[in-house]
Amino acid sequence: MYSKYTASYLTEGLGNIFYMQKKGSKFQKINSLAFEWEIAVDFVKRVPFKADVTTSGANSSDIIMYFPERYYEKYDTLQVIDSKQQIAILHEPIRKADDLWEYVGKLIDETLEDSLDLDSCKEGMETRFLTNIQPELSEIGYTKYQSNIQKSRNWLTEIRHDISYSSRYARMEDTFIKIAVGEGGGDYNEVIFRMPKMQQALLDEFMKSRNNSMLLGKTTMDINGKCTLFDPATNRPLIAGDGAIPQINRFANMFAYSKLTVDLFNQALMALTEKAEDPQGNTFIFIANERCYQQVQVTLAQHLMQFKPVNAEVYSQAEGNKLTIGAEYVAYNFIGNTIIFKIDRALSVEYPNRGYAVMVDLTADKKSGQPAIQQFTLEGAEYITNTIKGVGGLNGATSGDVSSPVAGSRFICSGYAGIGVFAPYRSAILIENK
């Protein structure tokens, strides 16, 4: 019913919902609104130099290096990204401070004539793990798996909407709706006002709020799990979790553009596939605001001109020799990977005057089957409906027990929702320059 809401479409619509039990689960602390998960970083980490390297390693002399963490181990081989030179670590690292580790290594050089390119080993420049070289009767080995794991935590947000109406309105609601749609209106031949059913209006409002929360919401919890926002009247905490885009913003590749081009799609695809488990067969969702989606259509239509299309892909002939020109381009494929385009109006409200889109890898984990994006909720509490009956009951004309002396009633809907992005590193943001 609500495929236009991206957060709901990618989670609830695809069946990617995790119902947290009251007794706790692998994602949930006992009796808490928090849920946690581990993010596996499937690409080789790049570790920057913490200080300039001043030893050249000429004539097989020692190279002294400093890094902000203990990532490399004895016998590891690292590669300097800019110069492509390789250095073998020959000693255990020495901890100088919490974020400062000293390493001693030697340049791998078969001629013993080269020296380290110090211009490529300045503070902030990057290195990466390449392999390790073990001697005979080696005693220990290491894995980078634990260094490629991050734990993330998010929180469920409680959302609620109410709608109240008088008993008099309840008795007339069906008549008003018929007039609004032009049925049996007598002299009211034109639709003079819009009057949806209250239950439908309430559901629409709830789904809109839930989508905005799961897509754009920001958490009210600090890193220690303490709430930072309280009701001033009752001092009760207002707990909310991060939406998908705030989670993605921490890790995504950023692409700013003045004109959207197919080359930009290709660059973004390459950036994401570099971090994917496989170089082909990946599917990326491209969630765009309306301005960016319009730019996508123009860009792909111009791109098709290179192929001189003349068949029914771009036009159709209707009755009376009338011609319909154009097509809606819903996906793009490059080197075996696919982008699927989708509009979300919440992004249009957020960015009304500039194009904005988020690309996210939807490929499920091939080992565990874990979806890339998943909604979390409490079991039985994803959507709760309640009524408060006043005089006249729900339809304004019912006798019996009531819960309020007011000649009116109230519909209430509420629910808990949170979202987890399990592959935030495999994401990109495209934003138009102002």
Protein backbone atom coordinates (compact mmCIF):
# COMPACT_ATOMS: atom_id res chain seq x y z
CA MET A 1 0.00 0.00 0.00
CA TYR A 2 2.85 2.39 0.70
CA SER A 3 5.54 1.55 -1.83
CA LYS A 4 6.25 5.29 -2.19
CA TYR A 5 7.83 5.23 1.28
CA THR A 6 11.35 3.90 0.71
CA ALA A 7 12.19 2.86 4.27
CA SER A 8 9.00 0.80 4.51
CA TYR A 9 9.35 -0.54 0.97
CA LEU A 10 12.92 -1.81 1.49
CA THR A 11 12.19 -3.40 4.86
CA GLU A 12 8.54 -4.27 5.44
CA GLY A 13 7.76 -4.56 1.72
CA LEU A 14 10.60 -7.06 1.19
CA GLY A 15 9.87 -8.93 4.41
CA ASN A 16 13.06 -7.68 6.07
CA ILE A 17 11.66 -7.18 9.56
CA PHE A 18 13.16 -8.49 12.77
CA TYR A 19 10.64 -8.87 15.60
CA MET A 20 12.49 -8.48 18.88
CA GLN A 21 11.23 -10.74 21.66
CA LYS A 22 10.72 -9.44 25.17
CA LYS A 23 13.29 -11.92 26.48
CA GLY A 24 16.03 -10.38 24.34
CA SER A 25 17.86 -11.56 21.23
CA LYS A 26 21.17 -11.30 19.43
CA PHE A 27 20.18 -7.80 18.38
CA GLN A 28 18.64 -6.62 21.64
CA LYS A 29 19.74 -6.10 25.19
CA ILE A 30 17.37 -7.62 27.75
CA ASN A 31 14.16 -5.62 28.14
CA SER A 32 15.56 -2.63 26.25
CA LEU A 33 14.72 -0.54 23.19
CA ALA A 34 18.32 -0.86 22.01
CA PHE A 35 19.49 -3.25 19.32
CA GLU A 36 23.06 -3.93 18.22
CA TRP A 37 24.72 -5.60 15.28
CA GLU A 38 28.18 -6.15 13.86
CA ILE A 39 29.23 -4.60 10.56
CA ALA A 40 31.72 -6.67 8.60
CA VAL A 41 34.08 -4.48 6.60
CA ASP A 42 34.82 -6.66 3.59
CA PHE A 43 37.51 -4.48 2.07
CA VAL A 44 41.15 -4.17 3.10
CA LYS A 45 41.57 -1.38 5.56
CA ARG A 46 43.86 1.55 4.80
CA VAL A 47 45.95 2.69 7.74
CA PRO A 48 47.47 6.21 7.65
CA PHE A 49 50.89 7.17 8.95
CA LYS A 50 50.64 8.93 12.30
CA ALA A 51 53.88 10.86 11.69
CA ASP A 52 56.26 11.54 8.83
CA VAL A 53 58.70 8.70 8.17
CA THR A 54 62.28 10.00 8.33
CA THR A 55 64.28 6.78 7.90
CA SER A 56 64.87 5.80 4.26
CA GLY A 57 65.66 2.11 4.74
CA ALA A 58 68.62 2.39 2.36
CA ASN A 59 71.11 -0.52 2.40
CA SER A 60 68.59 -2.68 4.28
CA SER A 61 68.55 -0.38 7.30
CA ASP A 62 65.58 -0.22 9.67
CA ILE A 63 62.53 1.90 8.81
CA ILE A 64 60.79 3.43 11.84
CA MET A 65 57.06 4.08 11.33
CA TYR A 66 54.19 5.24 13.53
CA PHE A 67 50.52 4.29 13.12
CA PRO A 68 47.41 5.26 15.12
CA GLU A 69 46.46 1.63 15.92
CA ARG A 70 47.85 -1.86 16.18
CA TYR A 71 46.80 -3.22 12.83
CA TYR A 72 49.96 -4.77 11.40
CA GLU A 73 51.73 -7.66 13.13
CA LYS A 74 55.18 -9.28 12.98
CA TYR A 75 55.94 -10.73 9.52
CA ASP A 76 53.15 -8.71 7.86
CA THR A 77 53.94 -6.96 4.58
CA LEU A 78 52.40 -3.52 4.08
CA GLN A 79 52.30 -1.49 0.90
CA VAL A 80 52.66 2.27 0.72
CA ILE A 81 49.66 3.38 -1.34
CA ASP A 82 51.28 6.21 -3.32
CA SER A 83 54.71 4.72 -4.09
CA LYS A 84 53.65 1.02 -4.22
CA GLN A 85 56.77 0.15 -2.22
CA GLN A 86 56.50 -2.76 0.19
CA ILE A 87 57.77 -2.96 3.77
CA ALA A 88 58.12 -6.13 5.87
CA ILE A 89 57.42 -5.79 9.62
CA LEU A 90 60.14 -7.70 11.51
CA HIS A 91 59.37 -6.87 15.16
CA GLU A 92 56.35 -6.77 17.45
CA PRO A 93 54.82 -3.25 17.51
CA ILE A 94 55.53 -1.07 20.53
CA ARG A 95 52.70 0.91 22.15
CA LYS A 96 53.74 4.51 22.77
CA ALA A 97 50.26 5.88 23.52
CA ASP A 98 46.62 4.85 23.07
CA ASP A 99 46.68 6.10 19.47
CA LEU A 100 50.39 5.75 18.71
CA TRP A 101 52.18 2.49 17.80
CA GLU A 102 55.79 2.22 16.71
CA TYR A 103 56.75 -0.27 13.99
CA VAL A 104 60.15 -1.33 12.70
CA GLY A 105 60.43 -2.80 9.23
CA LYS A 106 62.67 -3.19 6.22
CA LEU A 107 62.13 -2.25 2.61
CA ILE A 108 61.59 -5.25 0.33
CA ASP A 109 64.18 -4.72 -2.40
CA GLU A 110 65.98 -7.51 -4.20
CA THR A 111 68.89 -5.24 -5.23
CA LEU A 112 69.44 -3.60 -1.81
CA GLU A 113 69.97 -0.37 -3.74
CA ASP A 114 66.56 1.30 -3.39
CA SER A 115 65.44 3.59 -0.60
CA LEU A 116 62.01 4.51 0.69
CA ASP A 117 60.20 7.35 -1.11
CA LEU A 118 59.75 9.60 1.92
CA ASP A 119 57.43 11.94 -0.01
CA SER A 120 54.88 9.12 -0.05
CA CYS A 121 55.23 8.48 3.69
CA LYS A 122 54.03 11.76 5.17
CA GLU A 123 51.60 12.00 8.07
CA GLY A 124 48.09 11.13 6.87
CA MET A 125 49.23 9.22 3.79
CA GLU A 126 47.95 5.67 3.65
CA THR A 127 49.22 2.09 3.71
CA ARG A 128 47.44 -1.22 3.31
CA PHE A 129 48.00 -4.83 4.32
CA LEU A 130 49.29 -6.93 1.43
CA THR A 131 50.37 -10.34 2.76
CA ASN A 132 52.68 -11.90 5.32
CA ILE A 133 55.94 -13.77 4.98
CA GLN A 134 56.57 -16.60 7.46
CA PRO A 135 59.92 -18.26 8.28
CA GLU A 136 60.40 -21.99 8.69
CA LEU A 137 58.94 -23.37 11.93
CA SER A 138 56.73 -20.29 12.26
CA GLU A 139 55.05 -19.99 15.65
CA ILE A 140 52.02 -17.74 15.18
CA GLY A 141 49.83 -16.15 12.55
CA TYR A 142 47.20 -13.40 12.64
CA THR A 143 43.99 -12.51 10.90
CA LYS A 144 42.60 -9.07 10.11
CA TYR A 145 39.02 -10.27 10.62
CA GLN A 146 38.59 -8.69 14.04
CA SER A 147 40.01 -5.42 12.79
CA ASN A 148 37.34 -5.46 10.09
CA ILE A 149 34.42 -5.72 12.51
CA GLN A 150 32.54 -2.78 13.97
CA LYS A 151 29.66 -2.93 16.39
CA SER A 152 26.73 -0.59 15.78
CA ARG A 153 23.87 0.27 18.09
CA ASN A 154 20.54 1.86 17.34
CA TRP A 155 17.27 2.45 19.16
CA LEU A 156 13.62 1.88 18.52
CA THR A 157 11.47 4.98 18.16
CA GLU A 158 7.89 5.02 19.42
CA ILE A 159 5.55 6.79 17.01
CA ARG A 160 1.95 7.73 17.79
CA HIS A 161 -0.88 9.60 16.07
CA ASP A 162 -4.41 10.33 17.33
CA ILE A 163 -7.50 11.64 15.58
CA SER A 164 -10.61 12.85 17.41
CA TYR A 165 -14.06 13.49 15.99
CA SER A 166 -17.48 14.43 17.25
CA SER A 167 -20.47 12.10 17.35
CA ARG A 168 -22.26 14.45 14.96
CA TYR A 169 -19.44 14.15 12.42
CA ALA A 170 -19.42 10.33 12.79
CA ARG A 171 -23.11 10.17 11.83
CA MET A 172 -22.46 12.26 8.71
CA GLU A 173 -19.04 10.94 7.62
CA ASP A 174 -20.32 8.59 4.91
CA THR A 175 -22.47 11.34 3.43
CA PHE A 176 -19.57 13.77 3.34
CA ILE A 177 -17.35 11.20 1.62
CA LYS A 178 -19.97 10.44 -1.03
CA ILE A 179 -20.29 14.14 -1.81
CA ALA A 180 -16.50 14.48 -1.99
CA VAL A 181 -16.26 11.78 -4.66
CA GLY A 182 -19.31 13.02 -6.55
CA GLU A 183 -21.69 10.21 -5.57
CA GLY A 184 -25.32 10.94 -4.72
CA GLY A 185 -24.59 14.56 -4.02
CA GLY A 186 -27.78 15.93 -5.53
CA ASP A 187 -26.99 19.50 -6.46
CA TYR A 188 -23.33 18.96 -5.52
CA ASN A 189 -22.22 17.93 -9.00
CA GLU A 190 -18.62 19.00 -8.37
CA VAL A 191 -16.22 17.77 -5.75
CA ILE A 192 -16.05 20.78 -3.47
CA PHE A 193 -13.91 19.34 -0.70
CA ARG A 194 -11.83 16.29 0.13
CA MET A 195 -12.89 14.12 3.04
CA PRO A 196 -11.04 10.79 3.45
CA LYS A 197 -12.07 8.31 6.09
CA MET A 198 -10.51 9.11 9.44
CA GLN A 199 -8.94 5.69 9.84
CA GLN A 200 -7.28 6.03 6.45
CA ALA A 201 -6.04 9.53 7.26
CA LEU A 202 -4.61 8.26 10.54
CA LEU A 203 -2.82 5.33 8.87
CA ASP A 204 -1.43 7.64 6.17
CA GLU A 205 -0.03 9.97 8.82
CA PHE A 206 1.51 7.13 10.81
CA MET A 207 3.19 5.59 7.75
CA LYS A 208 4.55 8.98 6.69
CA SER A 209 6.02 9.62 10.15
CA ARG A 210 7.50 6.14 10.37
CA ASN A 211 9.14 6.46 6.96
CA ASN A 212 10.59 9.88 7.83
CA SER A 213 11.91 8.51 11.12
CA MET A 214 13.50 5.40 9.57
CA LEU A 215 14.94 7.40 6.67
CA LEU A 216 16.00 10.78 8.11
CA GLY A 217 15.60 10.65 11.90
CA LYS A 218 18.53 11.39 14.22
CA THR A 219 19.12 9.64 17.50
CA THR A 220 18.57 11.27 20.87
CA MET A 221 20.93 8.79 22.59
CA ASP A 222 24.60 9.45 23.32
CA ILE A 223 27.46 6.96 22.87
CA ASN A 224 26.97 5.69 26.44
CA GLY A 225 23.32 4.83 25.83
CA LYS A 226 21.93 7.78 27.76
CA CYS A 227 19.10 9.92 26.43
CA THR A 228 19.87 13.58 25.71
CA LEU A 229 16.26 14.79 25.30
CA PHE A 230 13.60 14.86 28.01
CA ASP A 231 10.00 15.98 28.35
CA PRO A 232 10.27 19.19 30.40
CA ALA A 233 6.94 18.54 32.15
CA THR A 234 7.52 14.92 33.24
CA ASN A 235 11.30 14.50 32.77
CA ARG A 236 10.62 11.33 30.78
CA PRO A 237 13.25 10.45 28.15
CA LEU A 238 12.33 10.90 24.47
CA ILE A 239 14.14 7.94 22.90
CA ALA A 240 14.75 7.91 19.15
CA GLY A 241 17.15 6.05 16.88
CA ASP A 242 19.10 7.03 13.78
CA GLY A 243 17.46 6.67 10.41
CA ALA A 244 19.11 5.02 7.42
CA ILE A 245 20.63 8.18 5.95
CA PRO A 246 22.36 9.37 9.18
CA GLN A 247 23.87 5.86 9.46
CA ILE A 248 24.98 5.97 5.83
CA ASN A 249 26.40 9.50 6.12
CA ARG A 250 29.15 8.28 8.45
CA PHE A 251 30.66 5.93 5.86
CA ALA A 252 29.37 6.83 2.39
CA ASN A 253 31.43 8.04 -0.55
CA MET A 254 30.38 11.61 -1.36
CA PHE A 255 29.92 12.80 -4.96
CA ALA A 256 29.08 16.44 -5.65
CA TYR A 257 27.94 17.30 -9.16
CA SER A 258 26.91 20.28 -11.24
CA LYS A 259 25.47 18.15 -14.04
CA LEU A 260 24.38 14.56 -13.61
CA THR A 261 26.15 12.27 -16.08
CA VAL A 262 26.43 8.58 -16.82
CA ASP A 263 30.14 8.84 -15.94
CA LEU A 264 29.09 9.86 -12.42
CA PHE A 265 26.90 6.75 -12.16
CA ASN A 266 29.89 4.66 -13.25
CA GLN A 267 32.20 6.30 -10.70
CA ALA A 268 29.73 5.70 -7.90
CA LEU A 269 29.21 2.10 -9.01
CA MET A 270 32.95 1.47 -9.08
CA ALA A 271 33.39 2.98 -5.61
CA LEU A 272 30.71 0.67 -4.23
CA THR A 273 31.76 -2.51 -6.05
CA GLU A 274 35.33 -2.09 -4.76
CA LYS A 275 33.88 -2.74 -1.28
CA ALA A 276 31.41 -5.45 -2.31
CA GLU A 277 32.05 -9.14 -1.76
CA ASP A 278 31.94 -9.83 -5.50
CA PRO A 279 32.81 -7.46 -8.36
CA GLN A 280 29.66 -8.40 -10.29
CA GLY A 281 26.07 -9.33 -9.57
CA ASN A 282 25.42 -6.53 -7.07
CA THR A 283 22.17 -4.55 -6.93
CA PHE A 284 22.20 -0.97 -5.67
CA ILE A 285 19.10 1.07 -4.82
CA PHE A 286 19.28 4.72 -5.92
CA ILE A 287 16.90 6.65 -3.65
CA ALA A 288 16.44 10.12 -5.16
CA ASN A 289 14.41 13.24 -4.57
CA GLU A 290 12.16 14.37 -7.40
CA ARG A 291 14.68 16.86 -8.81
CA CYS A 292 17.43 14.24 -9.01
CA TYR A 293 15.04 11.65 -10.46
CA GLN A 294 14.12 14.11 -13.23
CA GLN A 295 17.84 14.63 -13.92
CA VAL A 296 18.30 10.84 -14.09
CA GLN A 297 15.61 10.56 -16.75
CA VAL A 298 17.12 13.33 -18.89
CA THR A 299 20.64 11.91 -18.51
CA LEU A 300 19.68 8.37 -19.51
CA ALA A 301 17.54 9.60 -22.42
CA GLN A 302 20.54 11.52 -23.76
CA HIS A 303 22.76 8.49 -23.18
CA LEU A 304 20.45 6.34 -25.30
CA MET A 305 20.90 8.69 -28.24
CA GLN A 306 24.35 7.17 -28.77
CA PHE A 307 22.72 3.85 -29.60
CA LYS A 308 20.22 5.32 -32.12
CA PRO A 309 17.15 3.53 -30.77
CA VAL A 310 14.33 3.27 -33.29
CA ASN A 311 12.10 0.56 -31.84
CA ALA A 312 9.32 0.48 -29.28
CA GLU A 313 11.56 1.12 -26.27
CA VAL A 314 11.19 4.88 -26.73
CA TYR A 315 7.80 5.33 -28.38
CA SER A 316 4.45 3.67 -28.92
CA GLN A 317 1.77 4.24 -31.51
CA ALA A 318 -1.76 4.57 -30.22
CA GLU A 319 -5.07 4.51 -32.05
CA GLY A 320 -5.52 7.26 -34.63
CA ASN A 321 -1.81 7.40 -35.52
CA LYS A 322 -1.08 9.33 -32.34
CA LEU A 323 2.44 8.86 -31.05
CA THR A 324 3.62 8.75 -27.45
CA ILE A 325 7.29 9.62 -27.07
CA GLY A 326 9.47 8.89 -24.08
CA ALA A 327 10.04 6.27 -21.43
CA GLU A 328 10.70 6.02 -17.74
CA TYR A 329 14.15 4.64 -17.01
CA VAL A 330 13.97 2.60 -13.82
CA ALA A 331 17.40 0.88 -13.78
CA TYR A 332 20.91 1.16 -15.15
CA ASN A 333 23.45 -1.64 -15.61
CA PHE A 334 27.23 -1.33 -15.83
CA ILE A 335 29.86 -4.11 -15.77
CA GLY A 336 27.39 -6.60 -14.36
CA ASN A 337 26.06 -4.41 -11.55
CA THR A 338 22.65 -2.78 -11.48
CA ILE A 339 21.27 0.50 -10.13
CA ILE A 340 17.52 0.65 -9.44
CA PHE A 341 16.07 4.17 -9.29
CA LYS A 342 13.37 5.12 -6.81
CA ILE A 343 11.79 8.42 -5.73
CA ASP A 344 11.19 9.33 -2.12
CA ARG A 345 9.31 12.57 -1.51
CA ALA A 346 10.77 12.86 1.98
CA LEU A 347 14.08 13.71 0.28
CA SER A 348 12.30 16.28 -1.88
CA VAL A 349 11.08 18.02 1.26
CA GLU A 350 14.56 17.80 2.79
CA TYR A 351 16.31 19.07 -0.37
CA PRO A 352 13.73 21.10 -2.35
CA ASN A 353 16.18 23.10 -4.49
CA ARG A 354 18.97 20.67 -5.29
CA GLY A 355 19.32 17.12 -6.52
CA TYR A 356 20.02 14.54 -3.83
CA ALA A 357 20.27 10.77 -3.94
CA VAL A 358 21.57 7.91 -1.80
CA MET A 359 22.97 4.72 -3.32
CA VAL A 360 22.90 1.66 -1.08
CA ASP A 361 23.97 -1.92 -1.75
CA LEU A 362 20.94 -4.19 -1.38
CA THR A 363 22.89 -7.41 -1.94
CA ALA A 364 22.26 -9.78 0.97
CA ASP A 365 25.22 -11.28 2.78
CA LYS A 366 26.12 -14.42 0.84
CA LYS A 367 27.19 -16.34 3.96
CA SER A 368 24.35 -15.59 6.37
CA GLY A 369 21.59 -14.32 4.07
CA GLN A 370 21.40 -11.19 6.21
CA PRO A 371 19.60 -8.40 4.26
CA ALA A 372 21.48 -5.15 3.70
CA ILE A 373 18.75 -3.08 5.36
CA GLN A 374 16.41 -4.37 8.04
CA GLN A 375 13.61 -2.94 10.12
CA PHE A 376 13.44 -3.71 13.83
CA THR A 377 10.33 -3.62 15.99
CA LEU A 378 8.88 -5.19 19.11
CA GLU A 379 6.87 -8.34 18.54
CA GLY A 380 3.20 -7.43 18.20
CA ALA A 381 3.93 -3.72 18.56
CA GLU A 382 4.82 -2.65 15.01
CA TYR A 383 1.31 -1.22 14.56
CA ILE A 384 -1.16 -0.88 17.43
CA THR A 385 -4.67 0.55 17.10
CA ASN A 386 -6.91 1.66 19.96
CA THR A 387 -10.19 3.50 20.33
CA ILE A 388 -11.70 5.68 23.04
CA LYS A 389 -15.48 5.63 22.80
CA GLY A 390 -17.44 8.70 23.81
CA VAL A 391 -21.18 9.38 23.89
CA GLY A 392 -22.71 7.88 20.75
CA GLY A 393 -19.92 5.34 20.29
CA LEU A 394 -17.65 5.11 17.26
CA ASN A 395 -20.43 5.75 14.75
CA GLY A 396 -22.13 8.49 16.76
CA ALA A 397 -25.38 6.53 17.22
CA THR A 398 -24.55 3.55 19.47
CA SER A 399 -25.89 3.04 22.99
CA GLY A 400 -23.97 1.31 25.74
CA ASP A 401 -20.90 1.75 27.92
CA VAL A 402 -18.55 4.60 27.02
CA SER A 403 -15.09 5.64 28.16
CA SER A 404 -15.67 9.39 28.03
CA PRO A 405 -18.60 11.76 28.73
CA VAL A 406 -17.65 13.77 25.63
CA ALA A 407 -19.93 13.37 22.61
CA GLY A 408 -17.07 12.23 20.45
CA SER A 409 -14.50 9.46 20.07
CA ARG A 410 -10.84 8.99 19.28
CA PHE A 411 -8.81 6.65 17.07
CA ILE A 412 -5.19 6.03 18.13
CA CYS A 413 -2.40 4.26 16.25
CA SER A 414 1.12 3.75 17.54
CA GLY A 415 4.09 1.52 16.96
CA TYR A 416 7.80 0.94 17.45
CA ALA A 417 10.28 1.04 14.59
CA GLY A 418 14.03 1.19 14.08
CA ILE A 419 16.28 0.49 11.13
CA GLY A 420 19.70 -1.07 10.74
CA VAL A 421 21.95 -0.57 7.71
CA PHE A 422 24.21 -3.63 7.62
CA ALA A 423 26.45 -2.46 4.77
CA PRO A 424 26.90 1.30 5.27
CA TYR A 425 30.38 1.18 3.74
CA ARG A 426 28.80 0.08 0.46
CA SER A 427 26.93 3.32 -0.07
CA ALA A 428 27.32 6.64 -1.83
CA ILE A 429 25.65 10.03 -1.68
CA LEU A 430 25.15 12.20 -4.76
CA ILE A 431 24.34 15.85 -4.10
CA GLU A 432 23.95 18.71 -6.55
CA ASN A 433 26.06 21.81 -6.02
CA LYS A 434 24.08 24.88 -4.98
